[in-house]
């Protein structure tokens, strides 16, 4: 629920997206696995009230080491997990995108579920390829079963901080993405379940207890053609004649009392012609000159 609200807030903050729709979008399946450390958690949680209530009891003897932590023989952690999920991405513009990611994890005597909302910065694009980096926040739950098949398990809820970087290649309707991620779950409400009893466990606020580095691949299906390309600048007002002002684009203005002239016919030649020699005529007091045939005066 928290992730959905955060996603709505991020999407609503961009008025252009709300008004015109997303620039691009995609939805598709993703797979991922951790590559470091060899197993998670790095250290097992410790029993609450170890010295007062648990130490020396049957539960303490069977499920804890000498320091009060869960026995590594029963709970060695998970290695080589496999996570299957889905991703939905919406692009605000050429630089930012927001995503929602639900996924489930599986491994030997291990299962998990989490939901993340993410924000990515597009670093560069070119020829259908792009690189990005970003991060996200989310919530999830993990469950570890005993490796000794005694029916016990321990569970925890966690808040997740995630950082990632990668690249993708897109076509008009599909995109393929590969990324490297770092995931830091902050555990809360850890409990050991033995038959019908539950025992509280303490993570000790260890930020690297469930820390993991992994790789992820995603295939998107959607629309990767921009819906709101950049606006072009306003075109200047066209001048008469299709170009800059020139004397030929407007007739000369005659002063009051001046004689009327009959313009000579056009002639492709220069200099002298059958209509008389060419002359320079001063036009409208602008200092502009125009070559034209000497006019013929009309009496009257």
C-alpha atoms as a PDB file:
ATOM      1  CA  UNK A   1       0.000   0.000   0.000  1.00  0.00           C
ATOM      2  CA  UNK A   2       2.817   2.392   0.899  1.00  0.00           C
ATOM      3  CA  UNK A   3       4.534   1.700  -2.423  1.00  0.00           C
ATOM      4  CA  UNK A   4       1.355   2.396  -4.370  1.00  0.00           C
ATOM      5  CA  UNK A   5       0.846   5.722  -2.606  1.00  0.00           C
ATOM      6  CA  UNK A   6       4.461   6.742  -3.275  1.00  0.00           C
ATOM      7  CA  UNK A   7       4.103   5.837  -6.944  1.00  0.00           C
ATOM      8  CA  UNK A   8       0.928   7.909  -7.204  1.00  0.00           C
ATOM      9  CA  UNK A   9       2.665  10.885  -5.607  1.00  0.00           C
ATOM     10  CA  UNK A  10       5.615  10.699  -8.005  1.00  0.00           C
ATOM     11  CA  UNK A  11       3.367  10.365 -11.026  1.00  0.00           C
ATOM     12  CA  UNK A  12       1.090  13.185  -9.922  1.00  0.00           C
ATOM     13  CA  UNK A  13       4.008  15.567  -9.445  1.00  0.00           C
ATOM     14  CA  UNK A  14       4.543  15.886 -13.182  1.00  0.00           C
ATOM     15  CA  UNK A  15       1.749  17.983 -14.725  1.00  0.00           C
ATOM     16  CA  UNK A  16       2.923  17.347 -18.264  1.00  0.00           C
ATOM     17  CA  UNK A  17       2.512  13.603 -17.854  1.00  0.00           C
ATOM     18  CA  UNK A  18      -0.936  14.018 -16.353  1.00  0.00           C
ATOM     19  CA  UNK A  19      -2.030  16.325 -19.167  1.00  0.00           C
ATOM     20  CA  UNK A  20      -0.515  14.624 -22.222  1.00  0.00           C
ATOM     21  CA  UNK A  21       0.158  11.073 -21.095  1.00  0.00           C
ATOM     22  CA  UNK A  22       3.510   9.359 -20.610  1.00  0.00           C
ATOM     23  CA  UNK A  23       6.347   9.815 -23.051  1.00  0.00           C
ATOM     24  CA  UNK A  24       6.907   6.026 -23.163  1.00  0.00           C
ATOM     25  CA  UNK A  25       5.882   3.016 -21.078  1.00  0.00           C
ATOM     26  CA  UNK A  26       6.543  -0.699 -20.714  1.00  0.00           C
ATOM     27  CA  UNK A  27       5.494  -3.724 -18.654  1.00  0.00           C
ATOM     28  CA  UNK A  28       7.134  -7.128 -18.535  1.00  0.00           C
ATOM     29  CA  UNK A  29       8.625 -10.060 -16.598  1.00  0.00           C
ATOM     30  CA  UNK A  30      11.955  -9.949 -14.771  1.00  0.00           C
ATOM     31  CA  UNK A  31      14.309 -12.543 -13.303  1.00  0.00           C
ATOM     32  CA  UNK A  32      17.149 -11.951 -10.873  1.00  0.00           C
ATOM     33  CA  UNK A  33      19.553 -13.704  -8.507  1.00  0.00           C
ATOM     34  CA  UNK A  34      22.024 -12.684  -5.836  1.00  0.00           C
ATOM     35  CA  UNK A  35      25.734 -13.115  -6.545  1.00  0.00           C
ATOM     36  CA  UNK A  36      27.171 -11.822  -3.244  1.00  0.00           C
ATOM     37  CA  UNK A  37      27.465 -12.688  -0.367  1.00  0.00           C
ATOM     38  CA  UNK A  38      27.543 -16.498  -0.586  1.00  0.00           C
ATOM     39  CA  UNK A  39      24.517 -16.766   1.727  1.00  0.00           C
ATOM     40  CA  UNK A  40      21.926 -14.500   3.352  1.00  0.00           C
ATOM     41  CA  UNK A  41      21.688 -13.572   6.184  1.00  0.00           C
ATOM     42  CA  UNK A  42      25.349 -12.888   6.908  1.00  0.00           C
ATOM     43  CA  UNK A  43      24.667 -13.441  10.648  1.00  0.00           C
ATOM     44  CA  UNK A  44      21.614 -15.088  12.181  1.00  0.00           C
ATOM     45  CA  UNK A  45      19.318 -13.088  14.451  1.00  0.00           C
ATOM     46  CA  UNK A  46      19.564 -13.404  18.223  1.00  0.00           C
ATOM     47  CA  UNK A  47      16.809 -14.469  20.609  1.00  0.00           C
ATOM     48  CA  UNK A  48      15.107 -11.679  22.536  1.00  0.00           C
ATOM     49  CA  UNK A  49      15.562 -12.070  26.307  1.00  0.00           C
ATOM     50  CA  UNK A  50      18.249 -14.700  25.722  1.00  0.00           C
ATOM     51  CA  UNK A  51      19.807 -14.638  29.175  1.00  0.00           C
ATOM     52  CA  UNK A  52      16.575 -14.286  31.124  1.00  0.00           C
ATOM     53  CA  UNK A  53      14.173 -16.725  29.474  1.00  0.00           C
ATOM     54  CA  UNK A  54      15.700 -18.764  26.630  1.00  0.00           C
ATOM     55  CA  UNK A  55      19.222 -19.713  27.668  1.00  0.00           C
ATOM     56  CA  UNK A  56      19.334 -23.213  29.160  1.00  0.00           C
ATOM     57  CA  UNK A  57      15.813 -24.155  28.027  1.00  0.00           C
ATOM     58  CA  UNK A  58      15.008 -26.894  25.503  1.00  0.00           C
ATOM     59  CA  UNK A  59      14.373 -24.294  22.812  1.00  0.00           C
ATOM     60  CA  UNK A  60      17.623 -22.489  23.589  1.00  0.00           C
ATOM     61  CA  UNK A  61      19.608 -25.708  23.504  1.00  0.00           C
ATOM     62  CA  UNK A  62      18.043 -26.969  20.253  1.00  0.00           C
ATOM     63  CA  UNK A  63      17.878 -23.764  18.238  1.00  0.00           C
ATOM     64  CA  UNK A  64      20.580 -21.383  19.492  1.00  0.00           C
ATOM     65  CA  UNK A  65      24.370 -21.240  19.619  1.00  0.00           C
ATOM     66  CA  UNK A  66      26.337 -20.176  22.681  1.00  0.00           C
ATOM     67  CA  UNK A  67      25.753 -16.482  21.867  1.00  0.00           C
ATOM     68  CA  UNK A  68      21.995 -16.843  21.610  1.00  0.00           C
ATOM     69  CA  UNK A  69      21.820 -16.660  17.799  1.00  0.00           C
ATOM     70  CA  UNK A  70      19.873 -19.112  15.680  1.00  0.00           C
ATOM     71  CA  UNK A  71      21.849 -22.283  15.039  1.00  0.00           C
ATOM     72  CA  UNK A  72      23.661 -22.205  11.677  1.00  0.00           C
ATOM     73  CA  UNK A  73      23.184 -25.949  11.263  1.00  0.00           C
ATOM     74  CA  UNK A  74      19.415 -25.502  11.202  1.00  0.00           C
ATOM     75  CA  UNK A  75      19.403 -22.105   9.468  1.00  0.00           C
ATOM     76  CA  UNK A  76      22.499 -21.712   7.252  1.00  0.00           C
ATOM     77  CA  UNK A  77      20.818 -19.060   5.103  1.00  0.00           C
ATOM     78  CA  UNK A  78      19.980 -19.066   1.426  1.00  0.00           C
ATOM     79  CA  UNK A  79      22.444 -19.156  -1.461  1.00  0.00           C
ATOM     80  CA  UNK A  80      21.712 -19.037  -5.178  1.00  0.00           C
ATOM     81  CA  UNK A  81      18.175 -17.767  -4.847  1.00  0.00           C
ATOM     82  CA  UNK A  82      15.932 -17.213  -7.860  1.00  0.00           C
ATOM     83  CA  UNK A  83      13.565 -14.242  -8.018  1.00  0.00           C
ATOM     84  CA  UNK A  84      10.731 -13.917 -10.482  1.00  0.00           C
ATOM     85  CA  UNK A  85       8.731 -10.740 -10.814  1.00  0.00           C
ATOM     86  CA  UNK A  86       7.265  -8.049 -13.019  1.00  0.00           C
ATOM     87  CA  UNK A  87       8.177  -4.439 -13.722  1.00  0.00           C
ATOM     88  CA  UNK A  88       6.106  -1.537 -14.963  1.00  0.00           C
ATOM     89  CA  UNK A  89       7.898   1.610 -16.155  1.00  0.00           C
ATOM     90  CA  UNK A  90       6.538   5.024 -17.150  1.00  0.00           C
ATOM     91  CA  UNK A  91       8.825   7.658 -18.694  1.00  0.00           C
ATOM     92  CA  UNK A  92       8.180  11.274 -17.699  1.00  0.00           C
ATOM     93  CA  UNK A  93      10.596  12.605 -20.327  1.00  0.00           C
ATOM     94  CA  UNK A  94      14.028  11.858 -21.798  1.00  0.00           C
ATOM     95  CA  UNK A  95      15.696  11.973 -18.358  1.00  0.00           C
ATOM     96  CA  UNK A  96      13.377  10.426 -15.744  1.00  0.00           C
ATOM     97  CA  UNK A  97      11.234   7.339 -15.353  1.00  0.00           C
ATOM     98  CA  UNK A  98       9.299   5.784 -12.466  1.00  0.00           C
ATOM     99  CA  UNK A  99       8.607   2.093 -11.912  1.00  0.00           C
ATOM    100  CA  UNK A 100       6.731  -0.415  -9.787  1.00  0.00           C
ATOM    101  CA  UNK A 101       8.222  -3.846  -9.070  1.00  0.00           C
ATOM    102  CA  UNK A 102       6.508  -6.781  -7.305  1.00  0.00           C
ATOM    103  CA  UNK A 103       8.497 -10.013  -7.072  1.00  0.00           C
ATOM    104  CA  UNK A 104       8.733 -13.356  -5.310  1.00  0.00           C
ATOM    105  CA  UNK A 105      11.935 -15.153  -4.327  1.00  0.00           C
ATOM    106  CA  UNK A 106      12.628 -18.872  -4.089  1.00  0.00           C
ATOM    107  CA  UNK A 107      15.529 -20.957  -2.834  1.00  0.00           C
ATOM    108  CA  UNK A 108      16.321 -23.998  -0.762  1.00  0.00           C
ATOM    109  CA  UNK A 109      14.035 -23.757   2.304  1.00  0.00           C
ATOM    110  CA  UNK A 110      13.485 -20.089   1.519  1.00  0.00           C
ATOM    111  CA  UNK A 111      10.736 -17.889   0.109  1.00  0.00           C
ATOM    112  CA  UNK A 112      10.116 -14.138  -0.067  1.00  0.00           C
ATOM    113  CA  UNK A 113       7.831 -11.473  -1.434  1.00  0.00           C
ATOM    114  CA  UNK A 114       8.456  -7.746  -1.848  1.00  0.00           C
ATOM    115  CA  UNK A 115       7.093  -4.656  -3.573  1.00  0.00           C
ATOM    116  CA  UNK A 116       9.282  -1.697  -4.590  1.00  0.00           C
ATOM    117  CA  UNK A 117       8.683   1.682  -6.173  1.00  0.00           C
ATOM    118  CA  UNK A 118      11.648   3.113  -8.070  1.00  0.00           C
ATOM    119  CA  UNK A 119      12.898   6.306  -9.713  1.00  0.00           C
ATOM    120  CA  UNK A 120      15.613   6.216 -12.394  1.00  0.00           C
ATOM    121  CA  UNK A 121      17.751   8.844 -14.091  1.00  0.00           C
ATOM    122  CA  UNK A 122      18.523   8.241 -17.780  1.00  0.00           C
ATOM    123  CA  UNK A 123      22.215   9.022 -18.231  1.00  0.00           C
ATOM    124  CA  UNK A 124      22.421   8.952 -22.024  1.00  0.00           C
ATOM    125  CA  UNK A 125      20.620   7.549 -25.062  1.00  0.00           C
ATOM    126  CA  UNK A 126      21.629   6.784 -28.623  1.00  0.00           C
ATOM    127  CA  UNK A 127      20.762   4.369 -31.453  1.00  0.00           C
ATOM    128  CA  UNK A 128      18.030   2.735 -29.370  1.00  0.00           C
ATOM    129  CA  UNK A 129      20.352   2.132 -26.410  1.00  0.00           C
ATOM    130  CA  UNK A 130      20.368   3.871 -23.032  1.00  0.00           C
ATOM    131  CA  UNK A 131      22.117   3.737 -19.646  1.00  0.00           C
ATOM    132  CA  UNK A 132      20.469   4.541 -16.337  1.00  0.00           C
ATOM    133  CA  UNK A 133      20.962   4.575 -12.595  1.00  0.00           C
ATOM    134  CA  UNK A 134      18.479   4.935  -9.768  1.00  0.00           C
ATOM    135  CA  UNK A 135      17.019   3.545  -6.601  1.00  0.00           C
ATOM    136  CA  UNK A 136      13.867   2.610  -4.822  1.00  0.00           C
ATOM    137  CA  UNK A 137      12.074   1.898  -1.568  1.00  0.00           C
ATOM    138  CA  UNK A 138       9.763  -0.928  -0.657  1.00  0.00           C
ATOM    139  CA  UNK A 139       8.510  -3.506   1.792  1.00  0.00           C
ATOM    140  CA  UNK A 140       8.716  -7.273   1.907  1.00  0.00           C
ATOM    141  CA  UNK A 141       8.656 -10.503   3.872  1.00  0.00           C
ATOM    142  CA  UNK A 142      11.041 -13.482   4.109  1.00  0.00           C
ATOM    143  CA  UNK A 143      10.618 -17.004   5.418  1.00  0.00           C
ATOM    144  CA  UNK A 144      13.430 -19.472   6.247  1.00  0.00           C
ATOM    145  CA  UNK A 145      12.658 -23.131   6.991  1.00  0.00           C
ATOM    146  CA  UNK A 146      14.841 -25.400   9.103  1.00  0.00           C
ATOM    147  CA  UNK A 147      17.260 -27.576   7.100  1.00  0.00           C
ATOM    148  CA  UNK A 148      16.734 -30.405   9.570  1.00  0.00           C
ATOM    149  CA  UNK A 149      13.064 -30.860   8.645  1.00  0.00           C
ATOM    150  CA  UNK A 150      11.842 -30.437  12.190  1.00  0.00           C
ATOM    151  CA  UNK A 151       8.892 -28.283  11.108  1.00  0.00           C
ATOM    152  CA  UNK A 152      10.294 -25.025  12.479  1.00  0.00           C
ATOM    153  CA  UNK A 153      10.817 -21.791  10.561  1.00  0.00           C
ATOM    154  CA  UNK A 154      11.561 -18.147  11.164  1.00  0.00           C
ATOM    155  CA  UNK A 155       9.987 -15.154   9.437  1.00  0.00           C
ATOM    156  CA  UNK A 156      10.630 -11.444   9.228  1.00  0.00           C
ATOM    157  CA  UNK A 157       9.233  -8.310   7.682  1.00  0.00           C
ATOM    158  CA  UNK A 158      11.615  -5.823   6.106  1.00  0.00           C
ATOM    159  CA  UNK A 159      11.859  -2.335   4.699  1.00  0.00           C
ATOM    160  CA  UNK A 160      13.957  -2.340   1.539  1.00  0.00           C
ATOM    161  CA  UNK A 161      16.372   0.249   0.145  1.00  0.00           C
ATOM    162  CA  UNK A 162      17.650  -0.516  -3.322  1.00  0.00           C
ATOM    163  CA  UNK A 163      20.253   0.974  -5.691  1.00  0.00           C
ATOM    164  CA  UNK A 164      20.796  -0.152  -9.258  1.00  0.00           C
ATOM    165  CA  UNK A 165      22.450   0.744 -12.565  1.00  0.00           C
ATOM    166  CA  UNK A 166      22.250  -0.773 -16.009  1.00  0.00           C
ATOM    167  CA  UNK A 167      21.284  -0.337 -19.626  1.00  0.00           C
ATOM    168  CA  UNK A 168      18.583  -1.258 -22.095  1.00  0.00           C
ATOM    169  CA  UNK A 169      17.977  -1.575 -25.816  1.00  0.00           C
ATOM    170  CA  UNK A 170      14.570  -0.592 -27.172  1.00  0.00           C
ATOM    171  CA  UNK A 171      12.558  -1.052 -30.330  1.00  0.00           C
ATOM    172  CA  UNK A 172       9.135   0.462 -31.019  1.00  0.00           C
ATOM    173  CA  UNK A 173       7.167  -2.044 -28.929  1.00  0.00           C
ATOM    174  CA  UNK A 174       9.787  -3.968 -26.896  1.00  0.00           C
ATOM    175  CA  UNK A 175      12.839  -3.335 -24.765  1.00  0.00           C
ATOM    176  CA  UNK A 176      15.460  -5.580 -23.128  1.00  0.00           C
ATOM    177  CA  UNK A 177      17.168  -4.456 -19.921  1.00  0.00           C
ATOM    178  CA  UNK A 178      20.105  -5.753 -17.859  1.00  0.00           C
ATOM    179  CA  UNK A 179      21.111  -4.257 -14.503  1.00  0.00           C
ATOM    180  CA  UNK A 180      23.241  -4.738 -11.407  1.00  0.00           C
ATOM    181  CA  UNK A 181      21.568  -4.024  -8.063  1.00  0.00           C
ATOM    182  CA  UNK A 182      22.308  -3.648  -4.357  1.00  0.00           C
ATOM    183  CA  UNK A 183      19.506  -4.469  -1.928  1.00  0.00           C
ATOM    184  CA  UNK A 184      19.510  -3.557   1.773  1.00  0.00           C
ATOM    185  CA  UNK A 185      16.549  -4.948   3.734  1.00  0.00           C
ATOM    186  CA  UNK A 186      16.061  -3.535   7.253  1.00  0.00           C
ATOM    187  CA  UNK A 187      14.460  -6.316   9.272  1.00  0.00           C
ATOM    188  CA  UNK A 188      11.632  -5.936  11.770  1.00  0.00           C
ATOM    189  CA  UNK A 189       9.335  -8.354  13.636  1.00  0.00           C
ATOM    190  CA  UNK A 190      11.493 -11.455  13.376  1.00  0.00           C
ATOM    191  CA  UNK A 191      10.021 -14.592  14.941  1.00  0.00           C
ATOM    192  CA  UNK A 192      10.933 -18.261  15.329  1.00  0.00           C
ATOM    193  CA  UNK A 193       7.996 -20.652  15.032  1.00  0.00           C
ATOM    194  CA  UNK A 194       8.281 -24.057  16.682  1.00  0.00           C
ATOM    195  CA  UNK A 195       5.067 -26.064  16.555  1.00  0.00           C
ATOM    196  CA  UNK A 196       2.486 -23.738  18.129  1.00  0.00           C
ATOM    197  CA  UNK A 197       4.927 -21.415  19.869  1.00  0.00           C
ATOM    198  CA  UNK A 198       6.560 -18.201  18.674  1.00  0.00           C
ATOM    199  CA  UNK A 199       9.795 -16.645  19.966  1.00  0.00           C
ATOM    200  CA  UNK A 200      10.952 -13.144  19.279  1.00  0.00           C
ATOM    201  CA  UNK A 201      14.253 -12.556  17.458  1.00  0.00           C
ATOM    202  CA  UNK A 202      16.318  -9.381  17.310  1.00  0.00           C
ATOM    203  CA  UNK A 203      18.225  -8.192  14.246  1.00  0.00           C
ATOM    204  CA  UNK A 204      20.226  -5.702  16.282  1.00  0.00           C
ATOM    205  CA  UNK A 205      19.679  -2.965  13.630  1.00  0.00           C
ATOM    206  CA  UNK A 206      22.323  -4.524  11.411  1.00  0.00           C
ATOM    207  CA  UNK A 207      21.977  -2.914   7.909  1.00  0.00           C
ATOM    208  CA  UNK A 208      24.136  -5.567   6.220  1.00  0.00           C
ATOM    209  CA  UNK A 209      22.545  -8.616   7.811  1.00  0.00           C
ATOM    210  CA  UNK A 210      20.351  -9.270   4.734  1.00  0.00           C
ATOM    211  CA  UNK A 211      22.427  -7.197   2.303  1.00  0.00           C
ATOM    212  CA  UNK A 212      22.772  -8.663  -1.211  1.00  0.00           C
ATOM    213  CA  UNK A 213      24.240  -7.778  -4.617  1.00  0.00           C
ATOM    214  CA  UNK A 214      22.667  -9.327  -7.677  1.00  0.00           C
ATOM    215  CA  UNK A 215      21.944  -9.138 -11.398  1.00  0.00           C
ATOM    216  CA  UNK A 216      18.576  -8.750 -13.095  1.00  0.00           C
ATOM    217  CA  UNK A 217      17.184  -9.099 -16.619  1.00  0.00           C
ATOM    218  CA  UNK A 218      13.848  -7.677 -17.779  1.00  0.00           C
ATOM    219  CA  UNK A 219      11.878  -7.794 -21.021  1.00  0.00           C
ATOM    220  CA  UNK A 220       9.339  -4.991 -21.556  1.00  0.00           C
ATOM    221  CA  UNK A 221       6.320  -4.855 -23.820  1.00  0.00           C
ATOM    222  CA  UNK A 222       4.706  -1.486 -24.413  1.00  0.00           C
ATOM    223  CA  UNK A 223       5.176   1.661 -26.444  1.00  0.00           C
ATOM    224  CA  UNK A 224       8.680   3.094 -26.716  1.00  0.00           C
ATOM    225  CA  UNK A 225       7.891   5.765 -29.304  1.00  0.00           C
ATOM    226  CA  UNK A 226       7.692   9.247 -27.793  1.00  0.00           C
ATOM    227  CA  UNK A 227       4.163  10.655 -27.524  1.00  0.00           C
ATOM    228  CA  UNK A 228       5.235  14.226 -26.760  1.00  0.00           C
ATOM    229  CA  UNK A 229       8.332  15.130 -28.792  1.00  0.00           C
ATOM    230  CA  UNK A 230      10.082  18.402 -28.181  1.00  0.00           C
ATOM    231  CA  UNK A 231       8.224  21.452 -29.454  1.00  0.00           C
ATOM    232  CA  UNK A 232       9.729  23.352 -32.350  1.00  0.00           C
ATOM    233  CA  UNK A 233      10.363  27.070 -32.051  1.00  0.00           C
ATOM    234  CA  UNK A 234       7.848  29.500 -33.534  1.00  0.00           C
ATOM    235  CA  UNK A 235       8.540  30.348 -37.118  1.00  0.00           C
ATOM    236  CA  UNK A 236       9.120  33.981 -38.003  1.00  0.00           C
ATOM    237  CA  UNK A 237       6.552  35.907 -39.981  1.00  0.00           C
ATOM    238  CA  UNK A 238       7.193  35.485 -43.659  1.00  0.00           C
ATOM    239  CA  UNK A 239       7.929  38.631 -45.587  1.00  0.00           C
ATOM    240  CA  UNK A 240       6.343  39.458 -48.862  1.00  0.00           C
ATOM    241  CA  UNK A 241       8.333  37.881 -51.598  1.00  0.00           C
ATOM    242  CA  UNK A 242       9.594  35.007 -49.435  1.00  0.00           C
ATOM    243  CA  UNK A 243      12.838  36.652 -48.347  1.00  0.00           C
ATOM    244  CA  UNK A 244      14.379  39.789 -46.829  1.00  0.00           C
ATOM    245  CA  UNK A 245      13.106  43.184 -47.957  1.00  0.00           C
ATOM    246  CA  UNK A 246      14.432  44.344 -51.248  1.00  0.00           C
ATOM    247  CA  UNK A 247      13.635  47.372 -53.350  1.00  0.00           C
ATOM    248  CA  UNK A 248      12.009  45.214 -56.011  1.00  0.00           C
ATOM    249  CA  UNK A 249       9.432  43.948 -53.552  1.00  0.00           C
ATOM    250  CA  UNK A 250       7.551  47.266 -53.502  1.00  0.00           C
ATOM    251  CA  UNK A 251       6.957  49.941 -56.142  1.00  0.00           C
ATOM    252  CA  UNK A 252       8.578  53.369 -55.846  1.00  0.00           C
ATOM    253  CA  UNK A 253       6.494  56.114 -54.274  1.00  0.00           C
ATOM    254  CA  UNK A 254       6.014  59.172 -56.457  1.00  0.00           C
ATOM    255  CA  UNK A 255       5.892  62.617 -54.896  1.00  0.00           C
ATOM    256  CA  UNK A 256       2.921  64.876 -55.479  1.00  0.00           C
ATOM    257  CA  UNK A 257       3.229  66.742 -58.735  1.00  0.00           C
ATOM    258  CA  UNK A 258       5.642  64.296 -60.257  1.00  0.00           C
ATOM    259  CA  UNK A 259       5.073  63.151 -63.788  1.00  0.00           C
ATOM    260  CA  UNK A 260       3.615  59.750 -64.369  1.00  0.00           C
ATOM    261  CA  UNK A 261       5.850  57.179 -65.977  1.00  0.00           C
ATOM    262  CA  UNK A 262       5.095  54.238 -68.138  1.00  0.00           C
ATOM    263  CA  UNK A 263       7.414  51.406 -67.061  1.00  0.00           C
ATOM    264  CA  UNK A 264       9.495  49.961 -69.818  1.00  0.00           C
ATOM    265  CA  UNK A 265       8.999  46.279 -70.682  1.00  0.00           C
ATOM    266  CA  UNK A 266      11.252  43.828 -68.939  1.00  0.00           C
ATOM    267  CA  UNK A 267      14.288  42.710 -70.828  1.00  0.00           C
ATOM    268  CA  UNK A 268      16.684  39.924 -69.851  1.00  0.00           C
ATOM    269  CA  UNK A 269      19.654  41.853 -71.125  1.00  0.00           C
ATOM    270  CA  UNK A 270      21.683  44.476 -69.349  1.00  0.00           C
ATOM    271  CA  UNK A 271      23.003  47.875 -70.392  1.00  0.00           C
ATOM    272  CA  UNK A 272      21.326  49.213 -73.479  1.00  0.00           C
ATOM    273  CA  UNK A 273      18.269  47.682 -75.160  1.00  0.00           C
ATOM    274  CA  UNK A 274      15.709  48.571 -77.762  1.00  0.00           C
ATOM    275  CA  UNK A 275      13.779  50.416 -75.074  1.00  0.00           C
ATOM    276  CA  UNK A 276      16.644  52.692 -74.173  1.00  0.00           C
ATOM    277  CA  UNK A 277      19.574  52.711 -71.773  1.00  0.00           C
ATOM    278  CA  UNK A 278      19.332  51.414 -68.217  1.00  0.00           C
ATOM    279  CA  UNK A 279      19.551  53.845 -65.359  1.00  0.00           C
ATOM    280  CA  UNK A 280      19.823  53.817 -61.571  1.00  0.00           C
ATOM    281  CA  UNK A 281      16.641  54.986 -59.873  1.00  0.00           C
ATOM    282  CA  UNK A 282      16.593  56.197 -56.239  1.00  0.00           C
ATOM    283  CA  UNK A 283      13.670  54.460 -54.438  1.00  0.00           C
ATOM    284  CA  UNK A 284      11.659  55.982 -51.558  1.00  0.00           C
ATOM    285  CA  UNK A 285      14.549  57.849 -49.984  1.00  0.00           C
ATOM    286  CA  UNK A 286      16.085  54.657 -48.550  1.00  0.00           C
ATOM    287  CA  UNK A 287      19.401  54.969 -50.305  1.00  0.00           C
ATOM    288  CA  UNK A 288      18.503  51.791 -52.231  1.00  0.00           C
ATOM    289  CA  UNK A 289      19.132  51.694 -55.975  1.00  0.00           C
ATOM    290  CA  UNK A 290      17.377  49.654 -58.583  1.00  0.00           C
ATOM    291  CA  UNK A 291      18.497  49.030 -62.164  1.00  0.00           C
ATOM    292  CA  UNK A 292      15.660  49.521 -64.542  1.00  0.00           C
ATOM    293  CA  UNK A 293      15.037  50.796 -68.050  1.00  0.00           C
ATOM    294  CA  UNK A 294      14.757  54.510 -68.557  1.00  0.00           C
ATOM    295  CA  UNK A 295      11.021  55.252 -68.450  1.00  0.00           C
ATOM    296  CA  UNK A 296       9.173  56.913 -71.215  1.00  0.00           C
ATOM    297  CA  UNK A 297       7.252  60.011 -70.205  1.00  0.00           C
ATOM    298  CA  UNK A 298       3.614  60.276 -71.133  1.00  0.00           C
ATOM    299  CA  UNK A 299       2.365  63.688 -71.926  1.00  0.00           C
ATOM    300  CA  UNK A 300      -0.737  64.876 -70.329  1.00  0.00           C
END
